[in-house]
Amino acid sequence: MSEFYEPKDRNKELDDIKSLIADVPSAIEELTAEIASLKLSVFQQMEDMKSIIRFSMRDISRDESKDQLASLGDFNVLMVMTSKQHAAMQMWLFSGMNMADMARRMNCSRNTARLHLKSLWTKMGTDDKHEISRRLLPLLEKVTDSDYAEWSGGLPKNWAATYDGGRIDPYLNLYVKSKEDTYENRNKDQAKVGGV
């Protein structure tokens, strides 16, 4: 037996459809307003991202950028450096190593060693060794060994001064990709060349 709709039911359905149709313009207006709000929010987020990208890709040669970086504060510079940057800083300041020796010890190219130092120079706002020494040495004397080790990822603050080239460095994994001592590898390579 099939069901038949009473005219009353049809009229009710038509009334429901008419009321839904009447609500469509207000629903469209609400959705349009919400879309406009979302567009504005996305636009503002894009502008924020653009300014972040501009800041990160800024021209460091500009004086205002140097001033902004120098205003970080020297303690903060020490805190935001990577382990490799700390190692490069110590080799450069305390051991007086040149780029070739630093690169050999860090098992990287001279350009990579220079990039680690360049990052320090950028953060300090200068590449003058004497200026950086003047600013960092008093801080390194004041900072505790545990604080420095935390900032540097585990590298002691007297690491470069106490390094023994004849032994494997226990901190090697902090600044070298390979866990083997680069000096030991160099000596093996020299022995092979000399023995051939």
N, C-alpha and C. Protein backbone atom coordinates (compact mmCIF):
# COMPACT_ATOMS: atom_id res chain seq x y z
N MET A 1 0.83 -1.17 0.00
CA MET A 1 0.00 0.00 0.00
C MET A 1 0.88 1.24 0.00
N SER A 2 0.69 2.06 -0.95
CA SER A 2 1.50 3.27 -1.07
C SER A 2 0.89 4.38 -0.24
N GLU A 3 1.82 5.25 0.16
CA GLU A 3 1.35 6.37 0.99
C GLU A 3 1.01 7.55 0.10
N PHE A 4 -0.04 8.18 0.46
CA PHE A 4 -0.44 9.39 -0.25
C PHE A 4 -0.37 10.55 0.71
N TYR A 5 0.07 11.67 0.15
CA TYR A 5 0.16 12.86 0.99
C TYR A 5 -1.17 13.58 0.98
N GLU A 6 -1.50 13.96 2.13
CA GLU A 6 -2.69 14.78 2.26
C GLU A 6 -2.33 16.19 1.79
N PRO A 7 -3.25 16.90 1.26
CA PRO A 7 -2.95 18.27 0.85
C PRO A 7 -2.44 19.11 2.00
N LYS A 8 -2.86 18.81 3.20
CA LYS A 8 -2.41 19.53 4.37
C LYS A 8 -0.91 19.37 4.53
N ASP A 9 -0.44 18.11 4.38
CA ASP A 9 0.98 17.83 4.51
C ASP A 9 1.78 18.52 3.42
N ARG A 10 1.24 18.55 2.24
CA ARG A 10 1.93 19.22 1.14
C ARG A 10 2.03 20.72 1.40
N ASN A 11 0.98 21.27 1.88
CA ASN A 11 0.98 22.69 2.20
C ASN A 11 2.01 23.00 3.28
N LYS A 12 2.11 22.13 4.26
CA LYS A 12 3.09 22.32 5.34
C LYS A 12 4.50 22.24 4.77
N GLU A 13 4.74 21.27 3.90
CA GLU A 13 6.05 21.13 3.28
C GLU A 13 6.38 22.36 2.44
N LEU A 14 5.41 22.85 1.71
CA LEU A 14 5.64 24.05 0.90
C LEU A 14 5.94 25.25 1.78
N ASP A 15 5.24 25.36 2.88
CA ASP A 15 5.51 26.46 3.82
C ASP A 15 6.93 26.35 4.38
N ASP A 16 7.35 25.11 4.72
CA ASP A 16 8.72 24.90 5.23
C ASP A 16 9.76 25.28 4.18
N ILE A 17 9.51 24.90 2.93
CA ILE A 17 10.43 25.22 1.84
C ILE A 17 10.48 26.73 1.63
N LYS A 18 9.34 27.40 1.68
CA LYS A 18 9.29 28.85 1.51
C LYS A 18 10.07 29.55 2.62
N SER A 19 9.93 29.06 3.86
CA SER A 19 10.64 29.71 4.97
C SER A 19 12.16 29.47 4.83
N LEU A 20 12.54 28.29 4.34
CA LEU A 20 13.97 28.04 4.10
C LEU A 20 14.51 28.96 3.02
N ILE A 21 13.72 29.12 1.96
CA ILE A 21 14.13 30.00 0.86
C ILE A 21 14.22 31.44 1.36
N ALA A 22 13.32 31.83 2.24
CA ALA A 22 13.34 33.18 2.79
C ALA A 22 14.58 33.40 3.65
N ASP A 23 15.11 32.35 4.28
CA ASP A 23 16.29 32.45 5.14
C ASP A 23 17.59 32.47 4.33
N VAL A 24 17.55 32.08 3.07
CA VAL A 24 18.76 31.99 2.24
C VAL A 24 19.48 33.34 2.13
N PRO A 25 18.81 34.44 1.83
CA PRO A 25 19.55 35.71 1.71
C PRO A 25 20.29 36.09 3.00
N SER A 26 19.68 35.89 4.15
CA SER A 26 20.37 36.24 5.40
C SER A 26 21.55 35.29 5.65
N ALA A 27 21.38 34.02 5.27
CA ALA A 27 22.48 33.07 5.42
C ALA A 27 23.62 33.44 4.48
N ILE A 28 23.29 33.87 3.28
CA ILE A 28 24.31 34.30 2.31
C ILE A 28 25.05 35.52 2.84
N GLU A 29 24.32 36.46 3.43
CA GLU A 29 24.95 37.66 4.00
C GLU A 29 25.90 37.28 5.14
N GLU A 30 25.49 36.36 6.00
CA GLU A 30 26.34 35.91 7.11
C GLU A 30 27.61 35.24 6.57
N LEU A 31 27.45 34.38 5.57
CA LEU A 31 28.60 33.69 4.98
C LEU A 31 29.53 34.67 4.28
N THR A 32 28.95 35.66 3.60
CA THR A 32 29.75 36.67 2.92
C THR A 32 30.57 37.47 3.94
N ALA A 33 29.96 37.83 5.05
CA ALA A 33 30.67 38.57 6.10
C ALA A 33 31.77 37.71 6.71
N GLU A 34 31.49 36.44 6.93
CA GLU A 34 32.50 35.53 7.49
C GLU A 34 33.67 35.33 6.52
N ILE A 35 33.37 35.21 5.24
CA ILE A 35 34.42 35.06 4.22
C ILE A 35 35.29 36.31 4.18
N ALA A 36 34.66 37.49 4.25
CA ALA A 36 35.42 38.75 4.24
C ALA A 36 36.33 38.82 5.47
N SER A 37 35.82 38.41 6.61
CA SER A 37 36.62 38.40 7.84
C SER A 37 37.80 37.45 7.72
N LEU A 38 37.57 36.26 7.15
CA LEU A 38 38.65 35.30 6.95
C LEU A 38 39.69 35.82 5.97
N LYS A 39 39.24 36.47 4.90
CA LYS A 39 40.18 37.04 3.93
C LYS A 39 41.07 38.08 4.61
N LEU A 40 40.47 38.94 5.44
CA LEU A 40 41.24 39.96 6.14
C LEU A 40 42.25 39.32 7.09
N SER A 41 41.83 38.29 7.79
CA SER A 41 42.73 37.58 8.70
C SER A 41 43.90 36.94 7.96
N VAL A 42 43.61 36.29 6.84
CA VAL A 42 44.66 35.66 6.03
C VAL A 42 45.60 36.73 5.48
N PHE A 43 45.06 37.85 5.03
CA PHE A 43 45.88 38.94 4.52
C PHE A 43 46.82 39.47 5.59
N GLN A 44 46.31 39.65 6.82
CA GLN A 44 47.14 40.13 7.92
C GLN A 44 48.23 39.12 8.26
N GLN A 45 47.90 37.84 8.25
CA GLN A 45 48.90 36.81 8.52
C GLN A 45 49.97 36.79 7.43
N MET A 46 49.56 36.99 6.18
CA MET A 46 50.53 37.04 5.08
C MET A 46 51.47 38.23 5.25
N GLU A 47 50.93 39.37 5.64
CA GLU A 47 51.78 40.55 5.85
C GLU A 47 52.76 40.30 6.99
N ASP A 48 52.29 39.65 8.06
CA ASP A 48 53.19 39.31 9.18
C ASP A 48 54.30 38.39 8.70
N MET A 49 53.95 37.39 7.90
CA MET A 49 54.96 36.46 7.37
C MET A 49 55.94 37.18 6.46
N LYS A 50 55.45 38.10 5.65
CA LYS A 50 56.34 38.86 4.78
C LYS A 50 57.35 39.66 5.60
N SER A 51 56.89 40.28 6.68
CA SER A 51 57.82 41.06 7.49
C SER A 51 58.84 40.16 8.19
N ILE A 52 58.42 38.97 8.61
CA ILE A 52 59.36 38.03 9.21
C ILE A 52 60.39 37.60 8.18
N ILE A 53 59.93 37.31 6.97
CA ILE A 53 60.85 36.89 5.90
C ILE A 53 61.80 38.03 5.56
N ARG A 54 61.27 39.25 5.46
CA ARG A 54 62.13 40.40 5.17
C ARG A 54 63.19 40.57 6.24
N PHE A 55 62.80 40.42 7.52
CA PHE A 55 63.76 40.57 8.61
C PHE A 55 64.83 39.48 8.54
N SER A 56 64.42 38.24 8.27
CA SER A 56 65.39 37.15 8.24
C SER A 56 66.32 37.24 7.03
N MET A 57 65.88 37.89 5.96
CA MET A 57 66.70 38.00 4.76
C MET A 57 67.27 39.41 4.60
N ARG A 58 67.28 40.16 5.70
CA ARG A 58 67.71 41.55 5.63
C ARG A 58 69.18 41.67 5.22
N ASP A 59 69.51 42.85 4.78
CA ASP A 59 70.88 43.16 4.37
C ASP A 59 71.64 43.58 5.62
N ILE A 60 72.53 42.73 6.09
CA ILE A 60 73.26 42.98 7.33
C ILE A 60 74.19 44.18 7.19
N SER A 61 74.55 44.56 6.00
CA SER A 61 75.46 45.68 5.82
C SER A 61 74.81 47.00 6.21
N ARG A 62 73.49 47.02 6.31
CA ARG A 62 72.82 48.25 6.72
C ARG A 62 73.08 48.51 8.20
N ASP A 63 73.34 49.76 8.55
CA ASP A 63 73.67 50.11 9.93
C ASP A 63 72.55 49.79 10.90
N GLU A 64 71.28 50.02 10.49
CA GLU A 64 70.16 49.77 11.40
C GLU A 64 70.07 48.30 11.77
N SER A 65 70.37 47.39 10.83
CA SER A 65 70.33 45.97 11.13
C SER A 65 71.43 45.61 12.11
N LYS A 66 72.61 46.20 11.92
CA LYS A 66 73.69 45.94 12.85
C LYS A 66 73.32 46.41 14.25
N ASP A 67 72.68 47.59 14.32
CA ASP A 67 72.26 48.10 15.62
C ASP A 67 71.23 47.18 16.27
N GLN A 68 70.28 46.67 15.47
CA GLN A 68 69.28 45.75 16.02
C GLN A 68 69.94 44.49 16.56
N LEU A 69 70.89 43.95 15.80
CA LEU A 69 71.56 42.73 16.24
C LEU A 69 72.43 42.98 17.45
N ALA A 70 73.13 44.12 17.48
CA ALA A 70 73.98 44.44 18.62
C ALA A 70 73.14 44.64 19.88
N SER A 71 71.90 45.05 19.71
CA SER A 71 71.04 45.28 20.86
C SER A 71 70.53 43.97 21.48
N LEU A 72 70.82 42.85 20.84
CA LEU A 72 70.43 41.56 21.43
C LEU A 72 71.02 41.39 22.81
N GLY A 73 72.17 41.96 23.04
CA GLY A 73 72.87 41.76 24.29
C GLY A 73 73.81 40.58 24.14
N ASP A 74 75.00 40.76 24.66
CA ASP A 74 76.03 39.75 24.45
C ASP A 74 75.70 38.42 25.13
N PHE A 75 75.05 38.47 26.29
CA PHE A 75 74.64 37.21 26.93
C PHE A 75 73.66 36.46 26.04
N ASN A 76 72.73 37.19 25.45
CA ASN A 76 71.75 36.56 24.57
C ASN A 76 72.42 35.96 23.34
N VAL A 77 73.46 36.62 22.84
CA VAL A 77 74.19 36.07 21.70
C VAL A 77 74.76 34.71 22.07
N LEU A 78 75.36 34.62 23.25
CA LEU A 78 75.91 33.34 23.69
C LEU A 78 74.81 32.28 23.80
N MET A 79 73.63 32.69 24.21
CA MET A 79 72.54 31.73 24.42
C MET A 79 71.96 31.21 23.11
N VAL A 80 72.00 32.01 22.04
CA VAL A 80 71.35 31.58 20.78
C VAL A 80 72.33 30.96 19.78
N MET A 81 73.59 30.88 20.14
CA MET A 81 74.56 30.26 19.24
C MET A 81 74.42 28.74 19.27
N THR A 82 74.74 28.09 18.16
CA THR A 82 74.73 26.63 18.10
C THR A 82 76.03 26.08 18.66
N SER A 83 76.08 24.78 18.87
CA SER A 83 77.30 24.14 19.37
C SER A 83 78.47 24.38 18.42
N LYS A 84 78.21 24.26 17.12
CA LYS A 84 79.28 24.49 16.14
C LYS A 84 79.76 25.93 16.17
N GLN A 85 78.85 26.86 16.38
CA GLN A 85 79.25 28.27 16.46
C GLN A 85 80.08 28.52 17.72
N HIS A 86 79.71 27.87 18.84
CA HIS A 86 80.52 27.99 20.06
C HIS A 86 81.91 27.42 19.83
N ALA A 87 81.99 26.26 19.18
CA ALA A 87 83.29 25.64 18.92
C ALA A 87 84.13 26.54 18.02
N ALA A 88 83.53 27.08 16.97
CA ALA A 88 84.26 27.96 16.06
C ALA A 88 84.73 29.22 16.79
N MET A 89 83.86 29.78 17.64
CA MET A 89 84.22 30.97 18.41
C MET A 89 85.41 30.68 19.30
N GLN A 90 85.38 29.55 20.01
CA GLN A 90 86.49 29.23 20.92
C GLN A 90 87.79 28.99 20.16
N MET A 91 87.71 28.29 19.04
CA MET A 91 88.93 28.04 18.26
C MET A 91 89.50 29.36 17.73
N TRP A 92 88.64 30.25 17.31
CA TRP A 92 89.06 31.53 16.73
C TRP A 92 89.60 32.47 17.79
N LEU A 93 88.86 32.60 18.93
CA LEU A 93 89.26 33.55 19.96
C LEU A 93 90.38 33.02 20.85
N PHE A 94 90.26 31.77 21.30
CA PHE A 94 91.15 31.29 22.35
C PHE A 94 92.34 30.51 21.81
N SER A 95 92.20 29.84 20.70
CA SER A 95 93.30 29.07 20.14
C SER A 95 93.99 29.78 18.99
N GLY A 96 93.37 30.84 18.48
CA GLY A 96 93.95 31.59 17.39
C GLY A 96 94.05 30.81 16.09
N MET A 97 93.17 29.85 15.91
CA MET A 97 93.21 29.02 14.70
C MET A 97 92.78 29.81 13.48
N ASN A 98 93.38 29.49 12.35
CA ASN A 98 92.94 30.07 11.10
C ASN A 98 91.82 29.20 10.52
N MET A 99 91.23 29.65 9.43
CA MET A 99 90.07 28.93 8.85
C MET A 99 90.44 27.51 8.42
N ALA A 100 91.62 27.33 7.86
CA ALA A 100 92.02 26.00 7.39
C ALA A 100 92.11 25.01 8.56
N ASP A 101 92.72 25.45 9.67
CA ASP A 101 92.83 24.57 10.85
C ASP A 101 91.46 24.30 11.47
N MET A 102 90.64 25.34 11.52
CA MET A 102 89.29 25.15 12.06
C MET A 102 88.51 24.17 11.20
N ALA A 103 88.60 24.32 9.90
CA ALA A 103 87.87 23.44 8.99
C ALA A 103 88.34 22.00 9.15
N ARG A 104 89.64 21.81 9.28
CA ARG A 104 90.19 20.47 9.45
C ARG A 104 89.68 19.85 10.75
N ARG A 105 89.71 20.64 11.82
CA ARG A 105 89.27 20.13 13.12
C ARG A 105 87.77 19.85 13.15
N MET A 106 86.99 20.66 12.43
CA MET A 106 85.53 20.47 12.41
C MET A 106 85.08 19.54 11.30
N ASN A 107 86.04 19.06 10.51
CA ASN A 107 85.76 18.13 9.41
C ASN A 107 84.75 18.74 8.42
N CYS A 108 85.04 19.98 8.02
CA CYS A 108 84.18 20.68 7.08
C CYS A 108 85.04 21.53 6.16
N SER A 109 84.44 22.21 5.22
CA SER A 109 85.19 23.08 4.32
C SER A 109 85.54 24.38 5.03
N ARG A 110 86.47 25.12 4.45
CA ARG A 110 86.82 26.44 5.02
C ARG A 110 85.62 27.36 4.98
N ASN A 111 84.85 27.28 3.91
CA ASN A 111 83.66 28.14 3.80
C ASN A 111 82.66 27.84 4.91
N THR A 112 82.49 26.56 5.23
CA THR A 112 81.56 26.20 6.30
C THR A 112 82.07 26.71 7.64
N ALA A 113 83.36 26.56 7.89
CA ALA A 113 83.94 27.09 9.14
C ALA A 113 83.75 28.60 9.20
N ARG A 114 83.96 29.25 8.07
CA ARG A 114 83.76 30.70 8.03
C ARG A 114 82.30 31.08 8.28
N LEU A 115 81.37 30.27 7.78
CA LEU A 115 79.95 30.55 8.03
C LEU A 115 79.62 30.48 9.52
N HIS A 116 80.23 29.53 10.22
CA HIS A 116 79.99 29.45 11.67
C HIS A 116 80.47 30.72 12.36
N LEU A 117 81.65 31.21 11.95
CA LEU A 117 82.16 32.46 12.52
C LEU A 117 81.34 33.66 12.05
N LYS A 118 80.94 33.65 10.79
CA LYS A 118 80.16 34.77 10.26
C LYS A 118 78.85 34.94 11.04
N SER A 119 78.28 33.83 11.45
CA SER A 119 77.07 33.91 12.25
C SER A 119 77.34 34.63 13.57
N LEU A 120 78.48 34.33 14.18
CA LEU A 120 78.88 35.02 15.41
C LEU A 120 79.08 36.50 15.13
N TRP A 121 79.78 36.83 14.05
CA TRP A 121 80.04 38.22 13.71
C TRP A 121 78.73 38.97 13.49
N THR A 122 77.79 38.32 12.82
CA THR A 122 76.49 38.95 12.55
C THR A 122 75.76 39.22 13.87
N LYS A 123 75.76 38.23 14.75
CA LYS A 123 75.05 38.39 16.02
C LYS A 123 75.71 39.45 16.90
N MET A 124 77.03 39.56 16.81
CA MET A 124 77.75 40.55 17.61
C MET A 124 77.75 41.93 16.96
N GLY A 125 77.44 42.00 15.66
CA GLY A 125 77.42 43.28 14.97
C GLY A 125 78.79 43.75 14.54
N THR A 126 79.80 42.88 14.59
CA THR A 126 81.16 43.24 14.18
C THR A 126 81.94 41.99 13.83
N ASP A 127 82.97 42.14 13.01
CA ASP A 127 83.86 41.01 12.74
C ASP A 127 85.26 41.29 13.29
N ASP A 128 85.37 42.32 14.13
CA ASP A 128 86.63 42.68 14.75
C ASP A 128 86.91 41.75 15.93
N LYS A 129 87.98 40.96 15.80
CA LYS A 129 88.32 39.96 16.81
C LYS A 129 88.55 40.61 18.18
N HIS A 130 89.22 41.75 18.18
CA HIS A 130 89.52 42.42 19.46
C HIS A 130 88.25 42.93 20.13
N GLU A 131 87.31 43.46 19.33
CA GLU A 131 86.04 43.95 19.88
C GLU A 131 85.22 42.79 20.45
N ILE A 132 85.16 41.70 19.71
CA ILE A 132 84.41 40.53 20.19
C ILE A 132 85.06 39.98 21.45
N SER A 133 86.38 39.89 21.47
CA SER A 133 87.09 39.43 22.67
C SER A 133 86.80 40.34 23.85
N ARG A 134 86.86 41.64 23.61
CA ARG A 134 86.63 42.62 24.68
C ARG A 134 85.23 42.46 25.28
N ARG A 135 84.27 42.15 24.43
CA ARG A 135 82.89 42.02 24.90
C ARG A 135 82.58 40.65 25.48
N LEU A 136 83.15 39.58 24.90
CA LEU A 136 82.78 38.23 25.34
C LEU A 136 83.61 37.69 26.50
N LEU A 137 84.89 38.03 26.57
CA LEU A 137 85.74 37.46 27.61
C LEU A 137 85.23 37.76 29.03
N PRO A 138 84.84 39.00 29.33
CA PRO A 138 84.30 39.25 30.67
C PRO A 138 83.02 38.44 30.95
N LEU A 139 82.19 38.26 29.91
CA LEU A 139 80.96 37.48 30.08
C LEU A 139 81.29 36.01 30.36
N LEU A 140 82.27 35.49 29.61
CA LEU A 140 82.65 34.08 29.79
C LEU A 140 83.26 33.85 31.17
N GLU A 141 83.92 34.86 31.72
CA GLU A 141 84.46 34.73 33.07
C GLU A 141 83.33 34.72 34.10
N LYS A 142 82.28 35.49 33.86
CA LYS A 142 81.17 35.60 34.81
C LYS A 142 80.24 34.39 34.77
N VAL A 143 80.02 33.83 33.58
CA VAL A 143 79.03 32.77 33.42
C VAL A 143 79.54 31.48 34.07
N THR A 144 78.64 30.75 34.67
CA THR A 144 79.03 29.47 35.28
C THR A 144 79.28 28.43 34.21
N ASP A 145 80.09 27.43 34.58
CA ASP A 145 80.39 26.35 33.63
C ASP A 145 79.11 25.64 33.19
N SER A 146 78.19 25.42 34.14
CA SER A 146 76.96 24.69 33.80
C SER A 146 76.07 25.50 32.87
N ASP A 147 75.99 26.83 33.09
CA ASP A 147 75.20 27.67 32.19
C ASP A 147 75.78 27.67 30.79
N TYR A 148 77.10 27.81 30.69
CA TYR A 148 77.72 27.81 29.37
C TYR A 148 77.52 26.47 28.67
N ALA A 149 77.68 25.39 29.42
CA ALA A 149 77.49 24.06 28.83
C ALA A 149 76.06 23.90 28.32
N GLU A 150 75.11 24.45 29.04
CA GLU A 150 73.70 24.38 28.59
C GLU A 150 73.51 25.18 27.31
N TRP A 151 74.07 26.37 27.24
CA TRP A 151 73.92 27.22 26.06
C TRP A 151 74.61 26.62 24.85
N SER A 152 75.77 26.00 25.08
CA SER A 152 76.58 25.51 23.95
C SER A 152 76.22 24.08 23.57
N GLY A 153 75.25 23.50 24.21
CA GLY A 153 74.85 22.13 23.88
C GLY A 153 75.75 21.09 24.53
N GLY A 154 76.57 21.50 25.52
CA GLY A 154 77.42 20.56 26.23
C GLY A 154 78.90 20.86 26.15
N LEU A 155 79.30 21.80 25.31
CA LEU A 155 80.71 22.15 25.14
C LEU A 155 81.18 22.99 26.33
N PRO A 156 82.25 22.59 27.03
CA PRO A 156 82.74 23.40 28.16
C PRO A 156 83.30 24.74 27.69
N LYS A 157 83.28 25.72 28.57
CA LYS A 157 83.74 27.04 28.14
C LYS A 157 85.26 27.12 28.00
N ASN A 158 86.00 26.15 28.56
CA ASN A 158 87.45 26.13 28.40
C ASN A 158 87.89 25.04 27.41
N TRP A 159 86.97 24.59 26.58
CA TRP A 159 87.21 23.46 25.68
C TRP A 159 88.40 23.71 24.75
N ALA A 160 88.44 24.84 24.08
CA ALA A 160 89.50 25.09 23.10
C ALA A 160 90.87 25.17 23.76
N ALA A 161 90.91 25.70 24.99
CA ALA A 161 92.18 25.85 25.69
C ALA A 161 92.72 24.50 26.19
N THR A 162 91.82 23.56 26.46
CA THR A 162 92.25 22.28 27.04
C THR A 162 92.26 21.14 26.03
N TYR A 163 91.98 21.43 24.77
CA TYR A 163 91.92 20.38 23.76
C TYR A 163 93.29 19.76 23.55
N ASP A 164 93.33 18.44 23.52
CA ASP A 164 94.57 17.69 23.28
C ASP A 164 94.44 17.01 21.93
N GLY A 165 95.20 17.48 20.93
CA GLY A 165 95.10 16.96 19.58
C GLY A 165 95.50 15.50 19.45
N GLY A 166 96.19 14.96 20.45
CA GLY A 166 96.63 13.57 20.37
C GLY A 166 95.58 12.58 20.85
N ARG A 167 94.49 13.06 21.41
CA ARG A 167 93.45 12.17 21.92
C ARG A 167 92.12 12.48 21.26
N ILE A 168 91.23 11.52 21.26
CA ILE A 168 89.90 11.74 20.69
C ILE A 168 89.13 12.67 21.63
N ASP A 169 88.55 13.70 21.07
CA ASP A 169 87.81 14.70 21.83
C ASP A 169 86.45 14.14 22.23
N PRO A 170 86.13 14.11 23.53
CA PRO A 170 84.82 13.59 23.94
C PRO A 170 83.65 14.46 23.48
N TYR A 171 83.94 15.68 23.04
CA TYR A 171 82.89 16.61 22.59
C TYR A 171 82.80 16.67 21.07
N LEU A 172 83.50 15.77 20.41
CA LEU A 172 83.60 15.76 18.95
C LEU A 172 82.23 15.75 18.28
N ASN A 173 81.30 14.99 18.83
CA ASN A 173 79.97 14.88 18.21
C ASN A 173 79.19 16.19 18.23
N LEU A 174 79.65 17.19 19.01
CA LEU A 174 78.96 18.47 19.05
C LEU A 174 79.33 19.38 17.88
N TYR A 175 80.49 19.16 17.29
CA TYR A 175 80.93 20.07 16.23
C TYR A 175 81.40 19.38 14.96
N VAL A 176 81.41 18.05 14.93
CA VAL A 176 81.83 17.30 13.75
C VAL A 176 80.73 16.32 13.39
N LYS A 177 80.46 16.17 12.10
CA LYS A 177 79.43 15.22 11.67
C LYS A 177 79.82 13.79 11.99
N SER A 178 81.08 13.45 11.76
CA SER A 178 81.59 12.11 12.01
C SER A 178 82.03 12.03 13.47
N LYS A 179 81.95 10.87 14.08
CA LYS A 179 82.35 10.73 15.47
C LYS A 179 83.84 10.40 15.62
N GLU A 180 84.54 10.23 14.50
CA GLU A 180 85.97 9.97 14.57
C GLU A 180 86.71 11.29 14.58
N ASP A 181 87.81 11.34 15.31
CA ASP A 181 88.60 12.56 15.40
C ASP A 181 89.24 12.86 14.05
N THR A 182 89.07 14.09 13.59
CA THR A 182 89.57 14.45 12.27
C THR A 182 91.10 14.44 12.23
N TYR A 183 91.76 14.79 13.34
CA TYR A 183 93.22 14.75 13.36
C TYR A 183 93.72 13.32 13.26
N GLU A 184 93.01 12.39 13.91
CA GLU A 184 93.39 10.99 13.83
C GLU A 184 93.27 10.50 12.39
N ASN A 185 92.20 10.89 11.71
CA ASN A 185 92.02 10.51 10.30
C ASN A 185 93.11 11.12 9.44
N ARG A 186 93.46 12.37 9.71
CA ARG A 186 94.50 13.03 8.93
C ARG A 186 95.84 12.30 9.12
N ASN A 187 96.15 11.91 10.36
CA ASN A 187 97.40 11.19 10.62
C ASN A 187 97.41 9.85 9.91
N LYS A 188 96.27 9.16 9.89
CA LYS A 188 96.19 7.87 9.17
C LYS A 188 96.41 8.08 7.68
N ASP A 189 95.78 9.16 7.13
CA ASP A 189 95.95 9.45 5.71
C ASP A 189 97.41 9.79 5.39
N GLN A 190 98.06 10.55 6.28
CA GLN A 190 99.45 10.90 6.05
C GLN A 190 100.34 9.65 6.13
N ALA A 191 100.02 8.73 7.04
CA ALA A 191 100.79 7.50 7.18
C ALA A 191 100.65 6.65 5.93
N LYS A 192 99.42 6.61 5.38
CA LYS A 192 99.20 5.85 4.14
C LYS A 192 100.02 6.44 2.99
N VAL A 193 100.01 7.76 2.87
CA VAL A 193 100.74 8.42 1.80
C VAL A 193 102.25 8.21 1.98
N GLY A 194 102.72 8.34 3.24
CA GLY A 194 104.14 8.16 3.52
C GLY A 194 104.59 6.73 3.37
N GLY A 195 103.69 5.75 3.65
CA GLY A 195 104.02 4.33 3.59
C GLY A 195 103.93 3.74 2.21
N VAL A 196 103.28 4.45 1.28
CA VAL A 196 103.10 3.91 -0.07
C VAL A 196 104.30 4.09 -0.91
